[in-house]
Amino acid sequence: MYHNDIHLKGCMSEIKVQLHFLEMGWDVFQPVNPKTKADLIITHPKSGRVKKVQVKTIQDNTVGGITYRQCRLEPNGEAYKEHEIDLFVFVYPPTGEMWSCNFIDLKGQKSVNVGRADGQGRPPKNVNILNKMR
């Protein structure tokens, strides 16, 4: 297995998110078309809620000697549109930590920072901690 392969890391992040939502009682579906903006569609069997989910893998980015956990929100420089995504879920592979944020709360942002790698920083107020899965 090539753990440095960016596509493999993305697949592994998607599987972690799928497991999380399954454990929370959601039904999880994957789009057939790999070019769609949503990585997953989740539906809640009791409430009937439906959400289009985009999974993003967090990477370390060092600036001025401080390492931040962050990722880009614009694939290939193209911003997501409101009708394409309802929820972002961010996964940090080294620890399995996950965060979520509604699309509308990040609309117009080019990247998201979920805190410092040393644990000193905190995610922005609109980014919620989902779970610390390993």
N, C-alpha and C. Protein backbone atom coordinates (compact mmCIF):
# COMPACT_ATOMS: atom_id res chain seq x y z
N MET A 1 0.85 -1.18 0.00
CA MET A 1 0.00 0.00 0.00
C MET A 1 0.89 1.23 0.00
N TYR A 2 0.56 2.20 -0.82
CA TYR A 2 1.34 3.43 -0.94
C TYR A 2 0.68 4.52 -0.11
N HIS A 3 1.10 4.65 1.16
CA HIS A 3 0.46 5.60 2.07
C HIS A 3 0.69 7.05 1.69
N ASN A 4 1.64 7.36 0.84
CA ASN A 4 1.88 8.74 0.43
C ASN A 4 1.08 9.13 -0.80
N ASP A 5 0.39 8.19 -1.39
CA ASP A 5 -0.41 8.49 -2.57
C ASP A 5 -1.62 9.31 -2.15
N ILE A 6 -1.77 10.51 -2.73
CA ILE A 6 -2.82 11.44 -2.33
C ILE A 6 -4.22 10.87 -2.58
N HIS A 7 -4.39 10.11 -3.65
CA HIS A 7 -5.70 9.54 -3.94
C HIS A 7 -6.06 8.44 -2.94
N LEU A 8 -5.08 7.66 -2.54
CA LEU A 8 -5.32 6.62 -1.55
C LEU A 8 -5.69 7.25 -0.21
N LYS A 9 -5.00 8.32 0.17
CA LYS A 9 -5.35 9.00 1.42
C LYS A 9 -6.77 9.53 1.36
N GLY A 10 -7.16 10.07 0.20
CA GLY A 10 -8.53 10.57 0.04
C GLY A 10 -9.55 9.45 0.17
N CYS A 11 -9.27 8.30 -0.44
CA CYS A 11 -10.16 7.13 -0.33
C CYS A 11 -10.28 6.67 1.11
N MET A 12 -9.16 6.64 1.82
CA MET A 12 -9.18 6.21 3.22
C MET A 12 -9.98 7.20 4.08
N SER A 13 -9.87 8.49 3.78
CA SER A 13 -10.65 9.49 4.51
C SER A 13 -12.14 9.28 4.25
N GLU A 14 -12.51 9.03 3.01
CA GLU A 14 -13.92 8.80 2.68
C GLU A 14 -14.47 7.59 3.41
N ILE A 15 -13.69 6.53 3.51
CA ILE A 15 -14.14 5.33 4.21
C ILE A 15 -14.34 5.61 5.70
N LYS A 16 -13.44 6.39 6.31
CA LYS A 16 -13.60 6.76 7.73
C LYS A 16 -14.89 7.52 7.94
N VAL A 17 -15.19 8.44 7.03
CA VAL A 17 -16.41 9.24 7.14
C VAL A 17 -17.64 8.36 6.93
N GLN A 18 -17.58 7.45 5.97
CA GLN A 18 -18.70 6.53 5.74
C GLN A 18 -18.99 5.73 7.02
N LEU A 19 -17.95 5.18 7.63
CA LEU A 19 -18.12 4.41 8.86
C LEU A 19 -18.72 5.26 9.97
N HIS A 20 -18.27 6.49 10.09
CA HIS A 20 -18.79 7.39 11.12
C HIS A 20 -20.30 7.56 10.96
N PHE A 21 -20.73 7.90 9.74
CA PHE A 21 -22.16 8.13 9.53
C PHE A 21 -22.98 6.85 9.68
N LEU A 22 -22.44 5.71 9.25
CA LEU A 22 -23.13 4.44 9.45
C LEU A 22 -23.31 4.16 10.94
N GLU A 23 -22.26 4.41 11.73
CA GLU A 23 -22.34 4.20 13.17
C GLU A 23 -23.35 5.14 13.83
N MET A 24 -23.57 6.30 13.23
CA MET A 24 -24.52 7.28 13.76
C MET A 24 -25.95 7.01 13.28
N GLY A 25 -26.14 5.95 12.49
CA GLY A 25 -27.48 5.57 12.07
C GLY A 25 -27.93 6.14 10.73
N TRP A 26 -27.03 6.78 10.00
CA TRP A 26 -27.36 7.32 8.68
C TRP A 26 -27.19 6.23 7.63
N ASP A 27 -27.94 6.35 6.53
CA ASP A 27 -27.69 5.53 5.34
C ASP A 27 -26.69 6.28 4.49
N VAL A 28 -25.74 5.57 3.90
CA VAL A 28 -24.65 6.20 3.15
C VAL A 28 -24.64 5.67 1.72
N PHE A 29 -24.57 6.61 0.76
CA PHE A 29 -24.55 6.25 -0.65
C PHE A 29 -23.37 6.93 -1.32
N GLN A 30 -22.78 6.26 -2.31
CA GLN A 30 -21.69 6.83 -3.09
C GLN A 30 -22.18 7.12 -4.49
N PRO A 31 -21.89 8.30 -5.03
CA PRO A 31 -22.26 8.59 -6.41
C PRO A 31 -21.54 7.65 -7.39
N VAL A 32 -22.22 7.27 -8.44
CA VAL A 32 -21.62 6.41 -9.47
C VAL A 32 -20.60 7.19 -10.28
N ASN A 33 -20.89 8.46 -10.56
CA ASN A 33 -20.01 9.31 -11.35
C ASN A 33 -18.89 9.86 -10.47
N PRO A 34 -17.62 9.52 -10.73
CA PRO A 34 -16.52 10.01 -9.89
C PRO A 34 -16.25 11.50 -10.06
N LYS A 35 -16.85 12.14 -11.04
CA LYS A 35 -16.61 13.57 -11.28
C LYS A 35 -17.59 14.47 -10.51
N THR A 36 -18.55 13.88 -9.81
CA THR A 36 -19.50 14.69 -9.05
C THR A 36 -18.79 15.39 -7.89
N LYS A 37 -19.32 16.51 -7.44
CA LYS A 37 -18.68 17.27 -6.35
C LYS A 37 -18.88 16.60 -5.00
N ALA A 38 -20.00 15.90 -4.83
CA ALA A 38 -20.26 15.22 -3.55
C ALA A 38 -19.57 13.87 -3.55
N ASP A 39 -18.86 13.57 -2.46
CA ASP A 39 -18.23 12.26 -2.30
C ASP A 39 -19.22 11.24 -1.78
N LEU A 40 -20.18 11.71 -0.97
CA LEU A 40 -21.18 10.83 -0.36
C LEU A 40 -22.52 11.54 -0.32
N ILE A 41 -23.57 10.74 -0.30
CA ILE A 41 -24.91 11.24 -0.02
C ILE A 41 -25.35 10.49 1.23
N ILE A 42 -25.79 11.21 2.25
CA ILE A 42 -26.25 10.55 3.46
C ILE A 42 -27.73 10.91 3.68
N THR A 43 -28.47 9.93 4.16
CA THR A 43 -29.88 10.16 4.47
C THR A 43 -30.14 9.60 5.86
N HIS A 44 -30.97 10.31 6.62
CA HIS A 44 -31.32 9.84 7.95
C HIS A 44 -32.67 9.13 7.87
N PRO A 45 -32.71 7.84 8.23
CA PRO A 45 -33.93 7.06 8.04
C PRO A 45 -35.13 7.54 8.86
N LYS A 46 -34.90 8.19 9.99
CA LYS A 46 -36.02 8.64 10.82
C LYS A 46 -36.49 10.04 10.44
N SER A 47 -35.55 10.96 10.23
CA SER A 47 -35.93 12.35 9.94
C SER A 47 -36.14 12.60 8.45
N GLY A 48 -35.54 11.75 7.60
CA GLY A 48 -35.64 11.96 6.16
C GLY A 48 -34.65 12.99 5.62
N ARG A 49 -33.81 13.53 6.49
CA ARG A 49 -32.81 14.51 6.03
C ARG A 49 -31.86 13.89 5.03
N VAL A 50 -31.50 14.67 4.02
CA VAL A 50 -30.55 14.24 3.00
C VAL A 50 -29.44 15.29 2.94
N LYS A 51 -28.18 14.83 2.90
CA LYS A 51 -27.04 15.76 2.80
C LYS A 51 -26.05 15.26 1.77
N LYS A 52 -25.54 16.20 0.99
CA LYS A 52 -24.44 15.92 0.05
C LYS A 52 -23.15 16.28 0.78
N VAL A 53 -22.25 15.31 0.89
CA VAL A 53 -21.05 15.46 1.71
C VAL A 53 -19.80 15.48 0.83
N GLN A 54 -18.94 16.44 1.08
CA GLN A 54 -17.62 16.51 0.45
C GLN A 54 -16.60 16.22 1.54
N VAL A 55 -15.79 15.18 1.34
CA VAL A 55 -14.75 14.79 2.31
C VAL A 55 -13.43 15.41 1.88
N LYS A 56 -12.78 16.08 2.80
CA LYS A 56 -11.49 16.71 2.53
C LYS A 56 -10.45 16.14 3.49
N THR A 57 -9.28 15.85 2.95
CA THR A 57 -8.17 15.34 3.77
C THR A 57 -7.28 16.49 4.19
N ILE A 58 -7.11 16.63 5.49
CA ILE A 58 -6.29 17.70 6.07
C ILE A 58 -4.82 17.35 5.93
N GLN A 59 -4.02 18.34 5.60
CA GLN A 59 -2.57 18.17 5.51
C GLN A 59 -1.89 19.18 6.43
N ASP A 60 -0.66 18.88 6.80
CA ASP A 60 0.13 19.82 7.58
C ASP A 60 0.73 20.86 6.65
N ASN A 61 0.70 22.12 7.09
CA ASN A 61 1.29 23.23 6.34
C ASN A 61 2.06 24.09 7.34
N THR A 62 3.38 24.19 7.16
CA THR A 62 4.20 24.95 8.09
C THR A 62 4.44 26.36 7.58
N VAL A 63 4.11 27.33 8.43
CA VAL A 63 4.30 28.75 8.12
C VAL A 63 4.97 29.40 9.32
N GLY A 64 6.11 30.01 9.11
CA GLY A 64 6.80 30.70 10.20
C GLY A 64 7.15 29.78 11.35
N GLY A 65 7.46 28.53 11.07
CA GLY A 65 7.85 27.59 12.10
C GLY A 65 6.69 26.94 12.84
N ILE A 66 5.46 27.32 12.51
CA ILE A 66 4.28 26.74 13.15
C ILE A 66 3.55 25.87 12.12
N THR A 67 3.23 24.65 12.51
CA THR A 67 2.54 23.73 11.60
C THR A 67 1.04 23.77 11.86
N TYR A 68 0.29 24.08 10.81
CA TYR A 68 -1.16 24.15 10.87
C TYR A 68 -1.76 22.96 10.12
N ARG A 69 -2.93 22.55 10.56
CA ARG A 69 -3.69 21.52 9.85
C ARG A 69 -4.69 22.25 8.95
N GLN A 70 -4.53 22.08 7.65
CA GLN A 70 -5.42 22.81 6.76
C GLN A 70 -5.61 22.08 5.43
N CYS A 71 -6.59 22.54 4.67
CA CYS A 71 -6.81 22.02 3.32
C CYS A 71 -7.46 23.09 2.46
N ARG A 72 -7.31 22.89 1.17
CA ARG A 72 -7.92 23.79 0.19
C ARG A 72 -9.38 23.39 -0.02
N LEU A 73 -10.22 24.39 -0.25
CA LEU A 73 -11.63 24.14 -0.51
C LEU A 73 -11.99 24.29 -1.97
N GLU A 74 -11.05 24.68 -2.79
CA GLU A 74 -11.32 24.89 -4.21
C GLU A 74 -10.50 23.92 -5.04
N PRO A 75 -11.11 22.79 -5.42
CA PRO A 75 -10.36 21.84 -6.25
C PRO A 75 -10.06 22.43 -7.61
N ASN A 76 -8.82 22.39 -8.00
CA ASN A 76 -8.40 22.94 -9.30
C ASN A 76 -8.79 24.41 -9.46
N GLY A 77 -8.84 25.14 -8.35
CA GLY A 77 -9.13 26.57 -8.40
C GLY A 77 -10.59 26.91 -8.63
N GLU A 78 -11.47 25.90 -8.64
CA GLU A 78 -12.89 26.12 -8.89
C GLU A 78 -13.68 25.96 -7.59
N ALA A 79 -14.40 26.99 -7.20
CA ALA A 79 -15.15 26.96 -5.95
C ALA A 79 -16.37 26.05 -6.05
N TYR A 80 -16.70 25.40 -4.93
CA TYR A 80 -17.93 24.63 -4.86
C TYR A 80 -19.11 25.59 -4.89
N LYS A 81 -20.22 25.12 -5.39
CA LYS A 81 -21.45 25.91 -5.42
C LYS A 81 -22.42 25.36 -4.38
N GLU A 82 -23.29 26.24 -3.91
CA GLU A 82 -24.19 25.89 -2.81
C GLU A 82 -25.07 24.68 -3.12
N HIS A 83 -25.48 24.50 -4.36
CA HIS A 83 -26.35 23.36 -4.70
C HIS A 83 -25.57 22.04 -4.81
N GLU A 84 -24.24 22.10 -4.79
CA GLU A 84 -23.42 20.90 -4.96
C GLU A 84 -23.08 20.20 -3.64
N ILE A 85 -22.93 20.97 -2.57
CA ILE A 85 -22.45 20.44 -1.28
C ILE A 85 -23.30 21.01 -0.15
N ASP A 86 -23.64 20.17 0.82
CA ASP A 86 -24.32 20.63 2.04
C ASP A 86 -23.37 20.65 3.23
N LEU A 87 -22.44 19.68 3.24
CA LEU A 87 -21.60 19.49 4.41
C LEU A 87 -20.18 19.12 3.99
N PHE A 88 -19.20 19.80 4.59
CA PHE A 88 -17.81 19.40 4.46
C PHE A 88 -17.45 18.55 5.68
N VAL A 89 -16.70 17.48 5.47
CA VAL A 89 -16.12 16.73 6.58
C VAL A 89 -14.62 16.66 6.32
N PHE A 90 -13.85 17.08 7.30
CA PHE A 90 -12.39 17.14 7.20
C PHE A 90 -11.78 16.02 8.04
N VAL A 91 -10.82 15.29 7.45
CA VAL A 91 -10.18 14.17 8.14
C VAL A 91 -8.68 14.43 8.20
N TYR A 92 -8.11 14.25 9.39
CA TYR A 92 -6.66 14.36 9.57
C TYR A 92 -6.11 12.94 9.73
N PRO A 93 -5.53 12.35 8.65
CA PRO A 93 -5.12 10.94 8.66
C PRO A 93 -4.19 10.49 9.79
N PRO A 94 -3.20 11.30 10.20
CA PRO A 94 -2.30 10.78 11.25
C PRO A 94 -3.00 10.41 12.56
N THR A 95 -4.09 11.12 12.90
CA THR A 95 -4.78 10.84 14.17
C THR A 95 -6.19 10.29 13.98
N GLY A 96 -6.74 10.42 12.76
CA GLY A 96 -8.12 10.00 12.53
C GLY A 96 -9.15 11.01 12.98
N GLU A 97 -8.71 12.18 13.46
CA GLU A 97 -9.66 13.20 13.89
C GLU A 97 -10.49 13.69 12.71
N MET A 98 -11.75 14.03 12.99
CA MET A 98 -12.63 14.54 11.95
C MET A 98 -13.36 15.78 12.45
N TRP A 99 -13.60 16.70 11.52
CA TRP A 99 -14.34 17.91 11.79
C TRP A 99 -15.40 18.06 10.70
N SER A 100 -16.49 18.77 11.02
CA SER A 100 -17.51 19.02 10.01
C SER A 100 -17.90 20.48 10.01
N CYS A 101 -18.42 20.92 8.88
CA CYS A 101 -18.89 22.30 8.77
C CYS A 101 -19.89 22.37 7.62
N ASN A 102 -20.98 23.08 7.83
CA ASN A 102 -21.95 23.29 6.77
C ASN A 102 -21.32 24.12 5.66
N PHE A 103 -21.67 23.81 4.43
CA PHE A 103 -21.13 24.53 3.28
C PHE A 103 -21.32 26.03 3.44
N ILE A 104 -22.50 26.43 3.83
CA ILE A 104 -22.83 27.86 3.89
C ILE A 104 -21.89 28.63 4.82
N ASP A 105 -21.38 27.96 5.86
CA ASP A 105 -20.48 28.62 6.81
C ASP A 105 -19.07 28.84 6.26
N LEU A 106 -18.73 28.12 5.19
CA LEU A 106 -17.40 28.28 4.58
C LEU A 106 -17.48 28.86 3.18
N LYS A 107 -18.67 29.22 2.74
CA LYS A 107 -18.86 29.74 1.39
C LYS A 107 -17.92 30.92 1.13
N GLY A 108 -17.20 30.84 0.01
CA GLY A 108 -16.29 31.92 -0.38
C GLY A 108 -14.87 31.75 0.15
N GLN A 109 -14.65 30.84 1.09
CA GLN A 109 -13.30 30.62 1.60
C GLN A 109 -12.54 29.70 0.67
N LYS A 110 -11.25 29.95 0.53
CA LYS A 110 -10.42 29.13 -0.35
C LYS A 110 -9.75 27.98 0.39
N SER A 111 -9.64 28.10 1.71
CA SER A 111 -9.04 27.02 2.51
C SER A 111 -9.64 27.07 3.91
N VAL A 112 -9.39 26.00 4.66
CA VAL A 112 -9.84 25.96 6.05
C VAL A 112 -8.68 25.45 6.90
N ASN A 113 -8.56 26.03 8.08
CA ASN A 113 -7.53 25.69 9.04
C ASN A 113 -8.25 25.17 10.27
N VAL A 114 -7.97 23.92 10.67
CA VAL A 114 -8.66 23.35 11.83
C VAL A 114 -7.80 23.35 13.09
N GLY A 115 -6.74 24.12 13.09
CA GLY A 115 -5.92 24.25 14.28
C GLY A 115 -4.47 23.89 14.02
N ARG A 116 -3.66 24.05 15.05
CA ARG A 116 -2.24 23.74 14.94
C ARG A 116 -2.00 22.27 15.20
N ALA A 117 -0.97 21.74 14.57
CA ALA A 117 -0.62 20.33 14.74
C ALA A 117 -0.16 20.02 16.16
N ASP A 118 0.33 21.04 16.87
CA ASP A 118 0.79 20.82 18.25
C ASP A 118 -0.35 20.87 19.26
N GLY A 119 -1.57 21.06 18.76
CA GLY A 119 -2.75 21.09 19.63
C GLY A 119 -3.02 22.42 20.29
N GLN A 120 -2.17 23.41 20.05
CA GLN A 120 -2.33 24.71 20.70
C GLN A 120 -3.51 25.51 20.14
N GLY A 121 -3.75 25.38 18.85
CA GLY A 121 -4.83 26.15 18.24
C GLY A 121 -6.15 25.41 18.28
N ARG A 122 -7.21 26.12 17.98
CA ARG A 122 -8.54 25.52 17.94
C ARG A 122 -9.16 25.78 16.58
N PRO A 123 -10.06 24.90 16.16
CA PRO A 123 -10.76 25.14 14.90
C PRO A 123 -11.61 26.41 15.01
N PRO A 124 -11.94 27.03 13.87
CA PRO A 124 -12.84 28.19 13.90
C PRO A 124 -14.18 27.79 14.52
N LYS A 125 -14.95 28.78 15.00
CA LYS A 125 -16.23 28.51 15.67
C LYS A 125 -17.21 27.73 14.80
N ASN A 126 -17.16 27.94 13.48
CA ASN A 126 -18.13 27.28 12.61
C ASN A 126 -17.72 25.86 12.21
N VAL A 127 -16.58 25.39 12.70
CA VAL A 127 -16.11 24.03 12.40
C VAL A 127 -16.29 23.19 13.67
N ASN A 128 -17.07 22.12 13.56
CA ASN A 128 -17.40 21.28 14.71
C ASN A 128 -16.57 20.01 14.72
N ILE A 129 -16.14 19.61 15.90
CA ILE A 129 -15.40 18.35 16.02
C ILE A 129 -16.41 17.21 15.92
N LEU A 130 -16.19 16.30 14.97
CA LEU A 130 -17.10 15.17 14.79
C LEU A 130 -16.76 14.04 15.74
N ASN A 131 -15.51 13.60 15.69
CA ASN A 131 -15.14 12.41 16.44
C ASN A 131 -13.63 12.24 16.35
N LYS A 132 -13.08 11.57 17.31
CA LYS A 132 -11.66 11.23 17.25
C LYS A 132 -11.56 9.72 17.05
N MET A 133 -11.71 9.30 15.81
CA MET A 133 -11.64 7.87 15.49
C MET A 133 -10.20 7.51 15.16
N ARG A 134 -9.82 6.32 15.45
CA ARG A 134 -8.48 5.85 15.11
C ARG A 134 -8.61 4.61 14.27
